[in-house]
PDB file of N, CA and C in Angstrom:
ATOM      1  N   UNK A   1     -13.960  -5.091   6.362  1.00  0.00           N
ATOM      2  CA  UNK A   1     -15.163  -4.317   6.546  1.00  0.00           C
ATOM      3  C   UNK A   1     -15.822  -4.081   5.187  1.00  0.00           C
ATOM      4  N   UNK A   2     -17.121  -4.125   5.153  1.00  0.00           N
ATOM      5  CA  UNK A   2     -17.910  -3.937   3.942  1.00  0.00           C
ATOM      6  C   UNK A   2     -17.947  -2.466   3.548  1.00  0.00           C
ATOM      7  N   UNK A   3     -17.687  -2.170   2.273  1.00  0.00           N
ATOM      8  CA  UNK A   3     -17.777  -0.804   1.779  1.00  0.00           C
ATOM      9  C   UNK A   3     -19.208  -0.444   1.432  1.00  0.00           C
ATOM     10  N   UNK A   4     -19.563   0.815   1.577  1.00  0.00           N
ATOM     11  CA  UNK A   4     -20.907   1.302   1.285  1.00  0.00           C
ATOM     12  C   UNK A   4     -20.833   2.477   0.327  1.00  0.00           C
ATOM     13  N   UNK A   5     -21.908   2.698  -0.422  1.00  0.00           N
ATOM     14  CA  UNK A   5     -22.015   3.836  -1.328  1.00  0.00           C
ATOM     15  C   UNK A   5     -23.193   4.687  -0.874  1.00  0.00           C
ATOM     16  N   UNK A   6     -22.960   5.978  -0.716  1.00  0.00           N
ATOM     17  CA  UNK A   6     -24.021   6.927  -0.390  1.00  0.00           C
ATOM     18  C   UNK A   6     -24.126   7.897  -1.555  1.00  0.00           C
ATOM     19  N   UNK A   7     -25.346   8.154  -2.030  1.00  0.00           N
ATOM     20  CA  UNK A   7     -25.573   9.093  -3.126  1.00  0.00           C
ATOM     21  C   UNK A   7     -26.563  10.145  -2.640  1.00  0.00           C
ATOM     22  N   UNK A   8     -26.186  11.407  -2.771  1.00  0.00           N
ATOM     23  CA  UNK A   8     -27.044  12.515  -2.369  1.00  0.00           C
ATOM     24  C   UNK A   8     -27.393  13.323  -3.615  1.00  0.00           C
ATOM     25  N   UNK A   9     -28.687  13.498  -3.885  1.00  0.00           N
ATOM     26  CA  UNK A   9     -29.134  14.252  -5.057  1.00  0.00           C
ATOM     27  C   UNK A   9     -30.288  15.163  -4.665  1.00  0.00           C
ATOM     28  N   UNK A  10     -30.668  16.037  -5.584  1.00  0.00           N
ATOM     29  CA  UNK A  10     -31.861  16.850  -5.387  1.00  0.00           C
ATOM     30  C   UNK A  10     -31.556  18.319  -5.164  1.00  0.00           C
ATOM     31  N   UNK A  11     -32.633  19.085  -5.145  1.00  0.00           N
ATOM     32  CA  UNK A  11     -32.539  20.530  -4.933  1.00  0.00           C
ATOM     33  C   UNK A  11     -32.347  20.829  -3.455  1.00  0.00           C
ATOM     34  N   UNK A  12     -31.887  22.025  -3.182  1.00  0.00           N
ATOM     35  CA  UNK A  12     -31.783  22.466  -1.795  1.00  0.00           C
ATOM     36  C   UNK A  12     -30.418  22.223  -1.200  1.00  0.00           C
ATOM     37  N   UNK A  13     -30.335  22.493   0.076  1.00  0.00           N
ATOM     38  CA  UNK A  13     -29.056  22.439   0.776  1.00  0.00           C
ATOM     39  C   UNK A  13     -28.917  21.161   1.585  1.00  0.00           C
ATOM     40  N   UNK A  14     -27.668  20.861   1.967  1.00  0.00           N
ATOM     41  CA  UNK A  14     -27.414  19.770   2.895  1.00  0.00           C
ATOM     42  C   UNK A  14     -26.724  18.553   2.321  1.00  0.00           C
ATOM     43  N   UNK A  15     -26.676  18.427   1.001  1.00  0.00           N
ATOM     44  CA  UNK A  15     -26.074  17.230   0.393  1.00  0.00           C
ATOM     45  C   UNK A  15     -24.571  17.160   0.651  1.00  0.00           C
ATOM     46  N   UNK A  16     -23.872  18.235   0.374  1.00  0.00           N
ATOM     47  CA  UNK A  16     -22.422  18.252   0.583  1.00  0.00           C
ATOM     48  C   UNK A  16     -22.097  18.133   2.067  1.00  0.00           C
ATOM     49  N   UNK A  17     -22.854  18.815   2.900  1.00  0.00           N
ATOM     50  CA  UNK A  17     -22.627  18.754   4.343  1.00  0.00           C
ATOM     51  C   UNK A  17     -22.794  17.339   4.869  1.00  0.00           C
ATOM     52  N   UNK A  18     -23.819  16.646   4.415  1.00  0.00           N
ATOM     53  CA  UNK A  18     -24.038  15.258   4.843  1.00  0.00           C
ATOM     54  C   UNK A  18     -22.898  14.356   4.405  1.00  0.00           C
ATOM     55  N   UNK A  19     -22.492  14.492   3.160  1.00  0.00           N
ATOM     56  CA  UNK A  19     -21.410  13.652   2.636  1.00  0.00           C
ATOM     57  C   UNK A  19     -20.090  13.940   3.349  1.00  0.00           C
ATOM     58  N   UNK A  20     -19.811  15.217   3.601  1.00  0.00           N
ATOM     59  CA  UNK A  20     -18.580  15.583   4.305  1.00  0.00           C
ATOM     60  C   UNK A  20     -18.565  15.031   5.723  1.00  0.00           C
ATOM     61  N   UNK A  21     -19.683  15.144   6.408  1.00  0.00           N
ATOM     62  CA  UNK A  21     -19.759  14.631   7.774  1.00  0.00           C
ATOM     63  C   UNK A  21     -19.479  13.147   7.835  1.00  0.00           C
ATOM     64  N   UNK A  22     -20.056  12.409   6.909  1.00  0.00           N
ATOM     65  CA  UNK A  22     -19.844  10.961   6.865  1.00  0.00           C
ATOM     66  C   UNK A  22     -18.394  10.619   6.537  1.00  0.00           C
ATOM     67  N   UNK A  23     -17.820  11.332   5.568  1.00  0.00           N
ATOM     68  CA  UNK A  23     -16.428  11.079   5.182  1.00  0.00           C
ATOM     69  C   UNK A  23     -15.464  11.407   6.323  1.00  0.00           C
ATOM     70  N   UNK A  24     -15.700  12.515   6.994  1.00  0.00           N
ATOM     71  CA  UNK A  24     -14.823  12.902   8.102  1.00  0.00           C
ATOM     72  C   UNK A  24     -14.947  11.948   9.281  1.00  0.00           C
ATOM     73  N   UNK A  25     -16.159  11.498   9.560  1.00  0.00           N
ATOM     74  CA  UNK A  25     -16.350  10.534  10.648  1.00  0.00           C
ATOM     75  C   UNK A  25     -15.622   9.235  10.341  1.00  0.00           C
ATOM     76  N   UNK A  26     -15.731   8.771   9.104  1.00  0.00           N
ATOM     77  CA  UNK A  26     -15.033   7.543   8.706  1.00  0.00           C
ATOM     78  C   UNK A  26     -13.520   7.723   8.809  1.00  0.00           C
ATOM     79  N   UNK A  27     -13.017   8.877   8.364  1.00  0.00           N
ATOM     80  CA  UNK A  27     -11.567   9.097   8.425  1.00  0.00           C
ATOM     81  C   UNK A  27     -11.077   9.159   9.866  1.00  0.00           C
ATOM     82  N   UNK A  28     -11.920   9.607  10.777  1.00  0.00           N
ATOM     83  CA  UNK A  28     -11.567   9.620  12.188  1.00  0.00           C
ATOM     84  C   UNK A  28     -11.362   8.225  12.754  1.00  0.00           C
ATOM     85  N   UNK A  29     -11.959   7.235  12.093  1.00  0.00           N
ATOM     86  CA  UNK A  29     -11.787   5.825  12.468  1.00  0.00           C
ATOM     87  C   UNK A  29     -10.798   5.130  11.535  1.00  0.00           C
ATOM     88  N   UNK A  30     -10.012   5.938  10.818  1.00  0.00           N
ATOM     89  CA  UNK A  30      -8.987   5.459   9.887  1.00  0.00           C
ATOM     90  C   UNK A  30      -9.559   4.556   8.795  1.00  0.00           C
ATOM     91  N   UNK A  31     -10.758   4.900   8.339  1.00  0.00           N
ATOM     92  CA  UNK A  31     -11.391   4.205   7.217  1.00  0.00           C
ATOM     93  C   UNK A  31     -11.214   5.068   5.975  1.00  0.00           C
ATOM     94  N   UNK A  32     -10.908   4.436   4.859  1.00  0.00           N
ATOM     95  CA  UNK A  32     -10.712   5.165   3.606  1.00  0.00           C
ATOM     96  C   UNK A  32     -12.067   5.522   3.000  1.00  0.00           C
ATOM     97  N   UNK A  33     -12.100   6.701   2.378  1.00  0.00           N
ATOM     98  CA  UNK A  33     -13.322   7.205   1.766  1.00  0.00           C
ATOM     99  C   UNK A  33     -12.986   7.814   0.407  1.00  0.00           C
ATOM    100  N   UNK A  34     -13.863   7.591  -0.564  1.00  0.00           N
ATOM    101  CA  UNK A  34     -13.775   8.277  -1.853  1.00  0.00           C
ATOM    102  C   UNK A  34     -14.905   9.290  -1.893  1.00  0.00           C
ATOM    103  N   UNK A  35     -14.557  10.559  -2.023  1.00  0.00           N
ATOM    104  CA  UNK A  35     -15.517  11.657  -2.048  1.00  0.00           C
ATOM    105  C   UNK A  35     -15.615  12.143  -3.488  1.00  0.00           C
ATOM    106  N   UNK A  36     -16.786  12.001  -4.111  1.00  0.00           N
ATOM    107  CA  UNK A  36     -16.966  12.346  -5.525  1.00  0.00           C
ATOM    108  C   UNK A  36     -18.034  13.425  -5.649  1.00  0.00           C
ATOM    109  N   UNK A  37     -17.735  14.462  -6.430  1.00  0.00           N
ATOM    110  CA  UNK A  37     -18.710  15.506  -6.732  1.00  0.00           C
ATOM    111  C   UNK A  37     -18.869  15.607  -8.242  1.00  0.00           C
ATOM    112  N   UNK A  38     -20.119  15.727  -8.692  1.00  0.00           N
ATOM    113  CA  UNK A  38     -20.430  15.867 -10.113  1.00  0.00           C
ATOM    114  C   UNK A  38     -20.986  17.257 -10.387  1.00  0.00           C
ATOM    115  N   UNK A  39     -20.634  17.781 -11.555  1.00  0.00           N
ATOM    116  CA  UNK A  39     -21.196  19.031 -12.072  1.00  0.00           C
ATOM    117  C   UNK A  39     -20.930  20.226 -11.175  1.00  0.00           C
ATOM    118  N   UNK A  40     -19.757  20.270 -10.593  1.00  0.00           N
ATOM    119  CA  UNK A  40     -19.329  21.449  -9.844  1.00  0.00           C
ATOM    120  C   UNK A  40     -18.386  22.239 -10.741  1.00  0.00           C
ATOM    121  N   UNK A  41     -18.515  23.556 -10.722  1.00  0.00           N
ATOM    122  CA  UNK A  41     -17.743  24.376 -11.635  1.00  0.00           C
ATOM    123  C   UNK A  41     -16.281  24.537 -11.285  1.00  0.00           C
ATOM    124  N   UNK A  42     -15.973  24.742 -10.043  1.00  0.00           N
ATOM    125  CA  UNK A  42     -14.583  24.981  -9.653  1.00  0.00           C
ATOM    126  C   UNK A  42     -14.322  24.251  -8.342  1.00  0.00           C
ATOM    127  N   UNK A  43     -13.055  24.216  -7.968  1.00  0.00           N
ATOM    128  CA  UNK A  43     -12.706  23.543  -6.723  1.00  0.00           C
ATOM    129  C   UNK A  43     -13.325  24.297  -5.546  1.00  0.00           C
ATOM    130  N   UNK A  44     -14.091  23.593  -4.747  1.00  0.00           N
ATOM    131  CA  UNK A  44     -14.775  24.220  -3.620  1.00  0.00           C
ATOM    132  C   UNK A  44     -13.874  24.269  -2.394  1.00  0.00           C
ATOM    133  N   UNK A  45     -14.261  25.066  -1.428  1.00  0.00           N
ATOM    134  CA  UNK A  45     -13.525  25.139  -0.173  1.00  0.00           C
ATOM    135  C   UNK A  45     -13.508  23.807   0.549  1.00  0.00           C
ATOM    136  N   UNK A  46     -14.601  23.056   0.424  1.00  0.00           N
ATOM    137  CA  UNK A  46     -14.671  21.743   1.060  1.00  0.00           C
ATOM    138  C   UNK A  46     -13.610  20.806   0.492  1.00  0.00           C
ATOM    139  N   UNK A  47     -13.473  20.828  -0.819  1.00  0.00           N
ATOM    140  CA  UNK A  47     -12.481  19.966  -1.473  1.00  0.00           C
ATOM    141  C   UNK A  47     -11.075  20.383  -1.060  1.00  0.00           C
ATOM    142  N   UNK A  48     -10.820  21.683  -1.013  1.00  0.00           N
ATOM    143  CA  UNK A  48      -9.504  22.167  -0.579  1.00  0.00           C
ATOM    144  C   UNK A  48      -9.200  21.709   0.845  1.00  0.00           C
ATOM    145  N   UNK A  49     -10.193  21.752   1.722  1.00  0.00           N
ATOM    146  CA  UNK A  49      -9.994  21.362   3.121  1.00  0.00           C
ATOM    147  C   UNK A  49      -9.724  19.869   3.270  1.00  0.00           C
ATOM    148  N   UNK A  50     -10.316  19.058   2.409  1.00  0.00           N
ATOM    149  CA  UNK A  50     -10.146  17.603   2.513  1.00  0.00           C
ATOM    150  C   UNK A  50      -8.826  17.113   1.931  1.00  0.00           C
ATOM    151  N   UNK A  51      -8.177  17.920   1.107  1.00  0.00           N
ATOM    152  CA  UNK A  51      -6.974  17.461   0.399  1.00  0.00           C
ATOM    153  C   UNK A  51      -5.862  16.974   1.318  1.00  0.00           C
ATOM    154  N   UNK A  52      -5.775  17.481   2.518  1.00  0.00           N
ATOM    155  CA  UNK A  52      -4.717  17.055   3.424  1.00  0.00           C
ATOM    156  C   UNK A  52      -5.039  15.786   4.201  1.00  0.00           C
ATOM    157  N   UNK A  53      -6.240  15.256   4.040  1.00  0.00           N
ATOM    158  CA  UNK A  53      -6.663  14.080   4.799  1.00  0.00           C
ATOM    159  C   UNK A  53      -6.222  12.819   4.068  1.00  0.00           C
ATOM    160  N   UNK A  54      -5.365  12.026   4.699  1.00  0.00           N
ATOM    161  CA  UNK A  54      -4.808  10.843   4.029  1.00  0.00           C
ATOM    162  C   UNK A  54      -5.808   9.705   3.876  1.00  0.00           C
ATOM    163  N   UNK A  55      -6.969   9.790   4.516  1.00  0.00           N
ATOM    164  CA  UNK A  55      -7.966   8.726   4.418  1.00  0.00           C
ATOM    165  C   UNK A  55      -9.077   9.054   3.420  1.00  0.00           C
ATOM    166  N   UNK A  56      -9.065  10.270   2.857  1.00  0.00           N
ATOM    167  CA  UNK A  56     -10.123  10.683   1.934  1.00  0.00           C
ATOM    168  C   UNK A  56      -9.523  10.987   0.565  1.00  0.00           C
ATOM    169  N   UNK A  57      -9.956  10.238  -0.446  1.00  0.00           N
ATOM    170  CA  UNK A  57      -9.591  10.514  -1.837  1.00  0.00           C
ATOM    171  C   UNK A  57     -10.715  11.339  -2.449  1.00  0.00           C
ATOM    172  N   UNK A  58     -10.368  12.297  -3.299  1.00  0.00           N
ATOM    173  CA  UNK A  58     -11.346  13.222  -3.861  1.00  0.00           C
ATOM    174  C   UNK A  58     -11.302  13.171  -5.381  1.00  0.00           C
ATOM    175  N   UNK A  59     -12.476  13.097  -6.001  1.00  0.00           N
ATOM    176  CA  UNK A  59     -12.616  13.188  -7.460  1.00  0.00           C
ATOM    177  C   UNK A  59     -13.735  14.173  -7.754  1.00  0.00           C
ATOM    178  N   UNK A  60     -13.481  15.119  -8.646  1.00  0.00           N
ATOM    179  CA  UNK A  60     -14.525  16.052  -9.064  1.00  0.00           C
ATOM    180  C   UNK A  60     -14.666  15.988 -10.579  1.00  0.00           C
ATOM    181  N   UNK A  61     -15.895  16.078 -11.043  1.00  0.00           N
ATOM    182  CA  UNK A  61     -16.210  16.031 -12.466  1.00  0.00           C
ATOM    183  C   UNK A  61     -17.211  17.133 -12.756  1.00  0.00           C
ATOM    184  N   UNK A  62     -17.129  17.738 -13.925  1.00  0.00           N
ATOM    185  CA  UNK A  62     -18.134  18.731 -14.249  1.00  0.00           C
ATOM    186  C   UNK A  62     -17.780  19.583 -15.442  1.00  0.00           C
ATOM    187  N   UNK A  63     -18.728  20.440 -15.794  1.00  0.00           N
ATOM    188  CA  UNK A  63     -18.600  21.299 -16.961  1.00  0.00           C
ATOM    189  C   UNK A  63     -18.440  22.763 -16.590  1.00  0.00           C
ATOM    190  N   UNK A  64     -18.606  23.108 -15.353  1.00  0.00           N
ATOM    191  CA  UNK A  64     -18.596  24.507 -14.950  1.00  0.00           C
ATOM    192  C   UNK A  64     -19.980  25.110 -14.892  1.00  0.00           C
ATOM    193  N   UNK A  65     -20.998  24.336 -15.261  1.00  0.00           N
ATOM    194  CA  UNK A  65     -22.378  24.802 -15.214  1.00  0.00           C
ATOM    195  C   UNK A  65     -23.214  23.809 -14.420  1.00  0.00           C
ATOM    196  N   UNK A  66     -24.269  24.319 -13.818  1.00  0.00           N
ATOM    197  CA  UNK A  66     -25.178  23.441 -13.103  1.00  0.00           C
ATOM    198  C   UNK A  66     -26.213  22.883 -14.066  1.00  0.00           C
ATOM    199  N   UNK A  67     -26.655  21.675 -13.814  1.00  0.00           N
ATOM    200  CA  UNK A  67     -27.659  21.033 -14.646  1.00  0.00           C
ATOM    201  C   UNK A  67     -29.013  21.675 -14.407  1.00  0.00           C
ATOM    202  N   UNK A  68     -29.669  22.047 -15.490  1.00  0.00           N
ATOM    203  CA  UNK A  68     -31.063  22.473 -15.446  1.00  0.00           C
ATOM    204  C   UNK A  68     -31.767  21.804 -16.614  1.00  0.00           C
ATOM    205  N   UNK A  69     -33.060  21.693 -16.523  1.00  0.00           N
ATOM    206  CA  UNK A  69     -33.823  21.026 -17.585  1.00  0.00           C
ATOM    207  C   UNK A  69     -33.626  21.727 -18.927  1.00  0.00           C
ATOM    208  N   UNK A  70     -33.460  23.050 -18.914  1.00  0.00           N
ATOM    209  CA  UNK A  70     -33.272  23.777 -20.171  1.00  0.00           C
ATOM    210  C   UNK A  70     -31.931  23.454 -20.837  1.00  0.00           C
ATOM    211  N   UNK A  71     -30.979  22.905 -20.074  1.00  0.00           N
ATOM    212  CA  UNK A  71     -29.671  22.543 -20.616  1.00  0.00           C
ATOM    213  C   UNK A  71     -29.524  21.029 -20.771  1.00  0.00           C
ATOM    214  N   UNK A  72     -30.638  20.337 -20.805  1.00  0.00           N
ATOM    215  CA  UNK A  72     -30.628  18.873 -20.840  1.00  0.00           C
ATOM    216  C   UNK A  72     -29.794  18.315 -21.993  1.00  0.00           C
ATOM    217  N   UNK A  73     -29.989  18.812 -23.196  1.00  0.00           N
ATOM    218  CA  UNK A  73     -29.261  18.303 -24.367  1.00  0.00           C
ATOM    219  C   UNK A  73     -27.755  18.521 -24.238  1.00  0.00           C
ATOM    220  N   UNK A  74     -27.359  19.665 -23.705  1.00  0.00           N
ATOM    221  CA  UNK A  74     -25.941  19.953 -23.489  1.00  0.00           C
ATOM    222  C   UNK A  74     -25.318  18.917 -22.547  1.00  0.00           C
ATOM    223  N   UNK A  75     -25.988  18.597 -21.471  1.00  0.00           N
ATOM    224  CA  UNK A  75     -25.435  17.656 -20.501  1.00  0.00           C
ATOM    225  C   UNK A  75     -25.483  16.218 -20.994  1.00  0.00           C
ATOM    226  N   UNK A  76     -26.485  15.880 -21.783  1.00  0.00           N
ATOM    227  CA  UNK A  76     -26.511  14.539 -22.376  1.00  0.00           C
ATOM    228  C   UNK A  76     -25.316  14.358 -23.300  1.00  0.00           C
ATOM    229  N   UNK A  77     -25.002  15.379 -24.074  1.00  0.00           N
ATOM    230  CA  UNK A  77     -23.837  15.319 -24.959  1.00  0.00           C
ATOM    231  C   UNK A  77     -22.548  15.224 -24.143  1.00  0.00           C
ATOM    232  N   UNK A  78     -22.461  15.983 -23.071  1.00  0.00           N
ATOM    233  CA  UNK A  78     -21.277  15.944 -22.198  1.00  0.00           C
ATOM    234  C   UNK A  78     -21.068  14.542 -21.619  1.00  0.00           C
ATOM    235  N   UNK A  79     -22.145  13.877 -21.257  1.00  0.00           N
ATOM    236  CA  UNK A  79     -22.060  12.542 -20.647  1.00  0.00           C
ATOM    237  C   UNK A  79     -21.640  11.471 -21.644  1.00  0.00           C
ATOM    238  N   UNK A  80     -21.862  11.709 -22.909  1.00  0.00           N
ATOM    239  CA  UNK A  80     -21.486  10.717 -23.926  1.00  0.00           C
ATOM    240  C   UNK A  80     -20.009  10.751 -24.098  1.00  0.00           C
TER     241      UNK A  80
END
């Protein structure tokens, strides 16, 4: 089966919910999923809930702060 990549970005709500729904649906069909979150400060409840699912691998990356335009230089340095 062909693997796909979904990327959710932008302001507002619904990105994590959409990604979780897709990952859980795939795991229900015994398909492996990699769930990646960027720039999250601490382990979220969603990540804790997914940890027991053998079909979903989780990776989180971040600085503990959310990206804003005023912190652009800080995040550019972090990415290097």
